[in-house]
Protein backbone atom coordinates (compact mmCIF):
# COMPACT_ATOMS: atom_id res chain seq x y z
CA MET A 1 -112.11 -160.81 1.39
CA THR A 2 -111.09 -162.67 4.52
CA LYS A 3 -112.86 -165.72 5.89
CA ARG A 4 -113.07 -166.70 9.52
CA LYS A 5 -111.43 -169.96 10.46
CA ALA A 6 -113.81 -172.92 10.80
CA ILE A 7 -114.21 -174.06 14.40
CA THR A 8 -113.38 -177.58 15.59
CA PRO A 9 -116.10 -180.22 16.15
CA ALA A 10 -115.65 -179.93 19.93
CA GLU A 11 -116.05 -176.15 19.83
CA HIS A 12 -119.05 -176.55 17.56
CA GLU A 13 -120.87 -178.87 19.97
CA LYS A 14 -120.18 -176.61 22.95
CA LYS A 15 -121.62 -173.57 21.19
CA ARG A 16 -124.51 -175.53 19.73
CA ALA A 17 -125.61 -176.68 23.19
CA LYS A 18 -126.29 -173.05 24.11
CA TYR A 19 -127.30 -171.68 20.71
CA PRO A 20 -128.68 -174.38 18.40
CA VAL A 21 -129.25 -171.74 15.70
CA THR A 22 -127.77 -168.36 14.81
CA LEU A 23 -129.59 -165.42 16.40
CA ALA A 24 -129.64 -161.91 14.94
CA HIS A 25 -128.59 -158.49 16.15
CA LYS A 26 -130.49 -155.33 15.20
CA TYR A 27 -129.05 -153.44 12.25
CA ASN A 28 -127.30 -150.19 13.21
CA PRO A 29 -126.25 -148.05 10.21
CA GLU A 30 -123.56 -146.36 12.32
CA ARG A 31 -121.91 -149.66 13.25
CA HIS A 32 -122.55 -152.04 10.36
CA ASP A 33 -120.91 -151.58 6.95
CA ILE A 34 -123.11 -153.64 4.65
CA TYR A 35 -122.33 -151.95 1.31
CA ASN A 36 -119.08 -153.75 0.53
CA GLY A 37 -120.54 -156.49 -1.67
CA GLU A 38 -120.31 -159.13 1.08
CA TRP A 39 -123.85 -158.82 2.45
CA ALA A 40 -127.17 -160.15 1.17
CA TRP A 41 -130.73 -159.22 2.11
CA SER A 42 -133.84 -161.38 2.36
CA LEU A 43 -137.37 -160.86 3.60
CA LYS A 44 -137.90 -161.27 7.35
CA LEU A 45 -140.58 -163.91 7.76
CA ASP A 46 -143.30 -163.75 10.40
CA GLY A 47 -143.28 -167.42 11.35
CA VAL A 48 -141.94 -169.93 13.88
CA ARG A 49 -138.18 -170.57 13.92
CA ALA A 50 -137.32 -174.24 13.45
CA TYR A 51 -134.36 -176.38 12.48
CA TRP A 52 -134.00 -179.95 11.28
CA ASP A 53 -131.32 -181.93 13.12
CA VAL A 54 -130.14 -184.42 10.52
CA ASN A 55 -128.49 -186.66 13.13
CA LYS A 56 -131.38 -186.80 15.59
CA LYS A 57 -133.96 -186.84 12.77
CA LYS A 58 -136.02 -184.26 14.66
CA LEU A 59 -137.54 -180.87 13.86
CA LEU A 60 -136.71 -178.60 16.81
CA SER A 61 -137.42 -175.06 17.95
CA ARG A 62 -134.69 -172.50 18.68
CA ASN A 63 -135.05 -173.64 22.32
CA ASN A 64 -134.64 -177.32 21.37
CA LYS A 65 -138.32 -178.21 21.85
CA GLU A 66 -139.40 -180.94 19.45
CA PHE A 67 -142.22 -180.29 16.99
CA VAL A 68 -144.64 -183.14 16.31
CA ILE A 69 -144.62 -183.24 12.52
CA PRO A 70 -146.56 -185.21 9.90
CA LYS A 71 -144.99 -188.25 8.27
CA PHE A 72 -144.83 -186.66 4.83
CA LEU A 73 -142.63 -183.83 6.16
CA TYR A 74 -140.43 -186.25 8.08
CA ASN A 75 -139.81 -188.22 4.88
CA MET A 76 -139.03 -185.06 2.91
CA LEU A 77 -136.49 -183.87 5.47
CA CYS A 78 -134.82 -187.27 5.69
CA ALA A 79 -134.52 -187.37 1.91
CA ILE A 80 -132.75 -183.97 1.78
CA ASN A 81 -130.33 -185.25 4.48
CA LEU A 82 -129.06 -181.84 5.63
CA SER A 83 -129.36 -179.88 8.89
CA LEU A 84 -131.67 -177.05 7.87
CA ASP A 85 -132.29 -173.70 9.56
CA GLY A 86 -135.53 -171.96 8.70
CA GLU A 87 -139.04 -170.84 9.55
CA LEU A 88 -142.39 -172.62 9.69
CA PHE A 89 -144.42 -170.08 7.77
CA SER A 90 -148.10 -169.56 6.97
CA GLY A 91 -147.85 -166.39 4.89
CA LYS A 92 -147.91 -162.65 5.53
CA GLY A 93 -149.93 -161.71 8.61
CA GLU A 94 -150.61 -165.34 9.51
CA PHE A 95 -148.32 -165.72 12.52
CA LEU A 96 -151.16 -166.94 14.75
CA THR A 97 -152.11 -169.55 12.15
CA ALA A 98 -148.54 -170.86 12.13
CA ILE A 99 -148.39 -170.98 15.92
CA SER A 100 -151.72 -172.77 16.30
CA THR A 101 -150.77 -175.35 13.67
CA VAL A 102 -147.21 -176.30 14.67
CA ARG A 103 -147.67 -176.28 18.45
CA LYS A 104 -150.23 -179.07 18.41
CA THR A 105 -149.02 -182.42 19.71
CA LYS A 106 -151.68 -185.10 20.20
CA GLU A 107 -154.08 -183.18 17.96
CA MET A 108 -151.50 -182.64 15.20
CA ASN A 109 -153.33 -182.69 11.87
CA PRO A 110 -151.27 -183.48 8.71
CA GLU A 111 -153.87 -181.79 6.53
CA GLU A 112 -153.51 -178.56 8.53
CA TRP A 113 -149.77 -178.66 7.93
CA LYS A 114 -150.31 -179.17 4.19
CA GLN A 115 -152.83 -176.35 4.06
CA ASN A 116 -151.20 -173.83 6.40
CA ILE A 117 -147.43 -174.37 6.55
CA THR A 118 -144.31 -174.24 4.40
CA PHE A 119 -140.78 -174.73 5.71
CA GLN A 120 -138.82 -171.70 4.51
CA ILE A 121 -135.06 -172.42 4.58
CA PHE A 122 -132.62 -169.56 5.01
CA ASP A 123 -129.46 -171.42 6.01
CA LEU A 124 -127.62 -174.71 6.28
CA ILE A 125 -126.28 -175.59 9.73
CA ASP A 126 -122.74 -176.41 8.64
CA THR A 127 -119.64 -174.78 10.11
CA GLY A 128 -117.38 -175.96 7.30
CA HIS A 129 -118.63 -173.59 4.60
CA ASP A 130 -119.30 -169.87 4.31
CA PHE A 131 -122.83 -168.61 3.65
CA ALA A 132 -122.45 -168.35 -0.14
CA GLU A 133 -121.20 -171.95 -0.29
CA ARG A 134 -123.98 -173.13 2.04
CA MET A 135 -126.61 -171.60 -0.23
CA ASN A 136 -125.14 -173.43 -3.23
CA ILE A 137 -125.37 -176.72 -1.30
CA LEU A 138 -129.00 -176.02 -0.43
CA ARG A 139 -129.87 -175.21 -4.05
CA SER A 140 -128.28 -178.49 -5.16
CA LYS A 141 -130.50 -180.50 -2.78
CA ILE A 142 -133.82 -178.61 -2.75
CA SER A 143 -135.61 -178.02 -6.05
CA LYS A 144 -137.07 -174.59 -6.85
CA ASP A 145 -140.52 -176.07 -7.36
CA HIS A 146 -140.65 -178.01 -4.07
CA ASP A 147 -144.18 -177.48 -2.79
CA PHE A 148 -143.37 -177.57 0.93
CA ILE A 149 -139.66 -176.95 1.60
CA GLN A 150 -138.50 -173.71 -0.03
CA ILE A 151 -135.26 -171.72 -0.02
CA VAL A 152 -135.63 -168.06 0.96
CA PRO A 153 -134.19 -165.88 -1.87
CA GLN A 154 -131.03 -163.91 -1.03
CA THR A 155 -129.95 -160.75 -2.90
CA ILE A 156 -126.51 -159.12 -2.71
CA ILE A 157 -126.54 -155.53 -1.41
CA GLU A 158 -124.67 -153.36 -3.91
CA ASN A 159 -122.84 -150.15 -3.03
CA GLY A 160 -125.29 -147.23 -2.98
CA PHE A 161 -128.36 -149.46 -2.66
CA ASP A 162 -131.31 -147.73 -0.90
CA LEU A 163 -131.85 -150.29 1.85
CA PHE A 164 -134.19 -148.09 3.89
CA GLY A 165 -136.27 -147.39 0.80
CA LEU A 166 -136.55 -151.15 0.30
CA LEU A 167 -137.57 -151.58 3.96
CA ASP A 168 -140.37 -149.02 3.52
CA GLU A 169 -141.51 -150.75 0.34
CA VAL A 170 -141.67 -154.26 1.75
CA CYS A 171 -143.41 -153.08 4.93
CA VAL A 172 -146.06 -151.28 2.86
CA ASN A 173 -146.61 -154.63 1.14
CA GLY A 174 -147.24 -156.29 4.51
CA GLU A 175 -143.83 -157.88 5.09
CA GLU A 176 -142.25 -157.93 8.56
CA GLY A 177 -138.90 -156.39 7.57
CA LEU A 178 -135.50 -157.47 6.26
CA MET A 179 -132.72 -159.84 7.29
CA LEU A 180 -129.10 -159.07 6.40
CA LYS A 181 -126.48 -161.81 6.16
CA LYS A 182 -122.74 -161.62 5.57
CA THR A 183 -121.99 -164.10 2.82
CA THR A 184 -118.32 -164.71 3.67
CA GLU A 185 -118.94 -166.00 7.21
CA MET A 186 -119.24 -169.50 8.64
CA TYR A 187 -122.40 -170.64 10.42
CA GLU A 188 -122.28 -169.49 14.05
CA HIS A 189 -124.02 -170.81 17.16
CA ARG A 190 -124.47 -167.48 18.93
CA ARG A 191 -126.13 -164.08 18.50
CA SER A 192 -124.01 -163.11 15.55
CA PRO A 193 -122.90 -159.69 14.25
CA TYR A 194 -123.08 -161.25 10.78
CA LEU A 195 -126.85 -161.75 10.91
CA LEU A 196 -128.86 -158.54 11.29
CA LYS A 197 -132.57 -157.70 11.34
CA MET A 198 -134.36 -154.56 10.17
CA LYS A 199 -137.95 -153.91 11.24
CA GLN A 200 -140.38 -151.03 11.37
CA PHE A 201 -142.62 -150.23 14.32
CA HIS A 202 -145.89 -148.33 14.28
CA ASP A 203 -147.39 -146.15 16.99
CA THR A 204 -150.90 -145.17 18.06
CA GLU A 205 -152.70 -143.20 20.76
CA VAL A 206 -154.39 -145.28 23.46
CA LYS A 207 -156.19 -144.53 26.73
CA ILE A 208 -155.20 -146.02 30.09
CA THR A 209 -157.98 -148.05 31.72
CA ALA A 210 -156.17 -149.94 34.50
CA PHE A 211 -152.88 -150.48 36.32
CA LEU A 212 -151.41 -153.91 36.95
CA PRO A 213 -149.01 -154.77 39.79
CA GLY A 214 -145.46 -155.79 39.05
CA LYS A 215 -144.11 -159.29 39.57
CA GLY A 216 -140.59 -160.67 40.00
CA LYS A 217 -138.06 -157.88 39.56
CA HIS A 218 -140.92 -155.35 39.31
CA LYS A 219 -142.69 -156.47 42.49
CA GLY A 220 -143.94 -153.45 44.44
CA VAL A 221 -143.97 -151.10 41.46
CA LEU A 222 -145.87 -150.75 38.21
CA GLY A 223 -145.96 -153.97 36.19
CA ALA A 224 -148.11 -152.95 33.24
CA ILE A 225 -151.02 -150.78 32.17
CA THR A 226 -154.16 -151.86 30.39
CA VAL A 227 -155.04 -149.59 27.49
CA VAL A 228 -157.82 -149.28 24.92
CA ASP A 229 -157.51 -147.89 21.40
CA LYS A 230 -160.00 -145.70 19.54
CA ASP A 231 -161.78 -148.81 18.22
CA GLY A 232 -162.28 -150.31 21.67
CA ASN A 233 -159.53 -152.96 21.42
CA SER A 234 -157.62 -153.48 24.65
CA CYS A 235 -154.18 -154.86 25.53
CA ASN A 236 -151.61 -154.74 28.31
CA VAL A 237 -148.47 -152.63 27.92
CA GLY A 238 -145.67 -153.88 30.18
CA SER A 239 -142.45 -152.60 28.60
CA GLY A 240 -140.89 -149.26 27.72
CA PHE A 241 -141.14 -147.76 31.23
CA SER A 242 -138.13 -146.39 33.09
CA ASP A 243 -137.47 -147.44 36.68
CA ALA A 244 -138.59 -143.98 37.80
CA GLN A 245 -141.86 -144.28 35.87
CA ARG A 246 -142.53 -147.69 37.39
CA ALA A 247 -141.86 -146.42 40.91
CA ASN A 248 -143.90 -143.23 40.51
CA PRO A 249 -146.03 -143.34 37.34
CA PRO A 250 -146.57 -139.88 35.79
CA PHE A 251 -150.01 -140.80 34.45
CA LYS A 252 -153.41 -141.89 35.72
CA ILE A 253 -156.46 -143.77 34.47
CA GLY A 254 -158.05 -141.87 31.60
CA ASN A 255 -154.80 -140.34 30.34
CA GLU A 256 -153.72 -140.92 26.76
CA ILE A 257 -150.28 -142.27 25.89
CA THR A 258 -148.50 -143.11 22.66
CA MET A 259 -147.86 -146.82 22.33
CA LYS A 260 -145.55 -148.35 19.74
CA TYR A 261 -146.17 -151.84 18.41
CA PHE A 262 -144.98 -154.19 15.73
CA GLU A 263 -148.32 -155.13 14.18
CA ARG A 264 -152.04 -155.53 14.80
CA CYS A 265 -153.16 -159.15 14.89
CA LYS A 266 -156.33 -160.52 13.35
CA PRO A 267 -159.50 -160.29 15.49
CA ASP A 268 -159.99 -162.97 18.12
CA LYS A 269 -162.63 -165.42 16.84
CA LYS A 270 -164.49 -165.46 20.18
CA THR A 271 -164.21 -161.86 21.42
CA GLY A 272 -163.51 -159.92 18.24
CA ASN A 273 -160.74 -158.04 20.09
CA ILE A 274 -157.73 -157.06 17.96
CA SER A 275 -154.50 -157.50 19.91
CA TYR A 276 -151.11 -155.89 19.33
CA ARG A 277 -147.75 -157.63 19.02
CA PHE A 278 -144.98 -156.19 21.22
CA PRO A 279 -146.94 -153.20 22.62
CA THR A 280 -144.47 -150.81 24.25
CA PHE A 281 -144.88 -147.49 26.08
CA LEU A 282 -143.40 -144.67 24.00
CA LYS A 283 -144.48 -141.34 25.51
CA MET A 284 -147.31 -139.36 27.07
CA LYS A 285 -149.33 -136.82 25.15
CA HIS A 286 -149.13 -134.43 28.10
CA LEU A 287 -146.72 -135.16 30.93
CA LEU A 288 -148.46 -134.85 34.28
CA GLU A 289 -146.96 -133.58 37.49
CA GLY A 290 -146.72 -135.89 40.50
CA GLY A 291 -147.47 -139.56 40.71
CA CYS A 292 -150.46 -141.82 40.42
CA GLU A 293 -152.34 -142.77 43.56
CA SER A 294 -154.48 -145.50 42.00
CA ILE A 295 -151.68 -147.89 41.14
CA ILE A 296 -152.17 -151.42 42.48
CA VAL A 297 -149.09 -152.73 44.29
């Protein structure tokens, strides 16, 4: 097994300015050989990415926005004294709970953090060690029974392992998907080919109820469509269209389309509407001839 050379401190700071944490590529079975004993899988968590900067003593987002955190968490992170990469997590299907808790500033409530959030750690921001060594360092500093800061379990992928069967299994159990990490690589400040994500998408039939004008690069053409599902829940679908479909939409109000989405969110407390995460146009049930005259531009 070959290891990549550790980068210099100057190179590290330059990369870190643009990418404070490692970002993932999508797993492609035709391009990625993950069955050589050098890759590990873990559950993909549906939370808010965050990292602890041990020098600045701040908890930051992947875009370097500071989280206002309770004193008890600040003390815990200072005591561990490592730069940690992880996810602020509220549990399966509780993404909105995590968002509403950690984004508060003046109204930040320590009891809400204790009740709703754990800090799930999946890496150590350290360019001097490979991933396997970084995990050993984390395990030496964070106890298994820590009630707030927890290390995400990593499992080596053996040759012949049914990874897609595992993906189906975890998604049936309500998990978001899988993350794949090459254990022989250094920590990287970029979108790395050594960190991969596997997710499932669902699809459903919905009816078009309105057209929305495009903005920015889509000004003058279709921006999005408003759709409603069989239960009366509505959302806007703004991605998945080709340039030709945006310029001359092959559908009209009342038509049914197939929409793919990542998950259905919990009902809105005020309206009861169930929204969809990442709704994307997939296809039409019956392709129409000609364009749509009712589009708003």
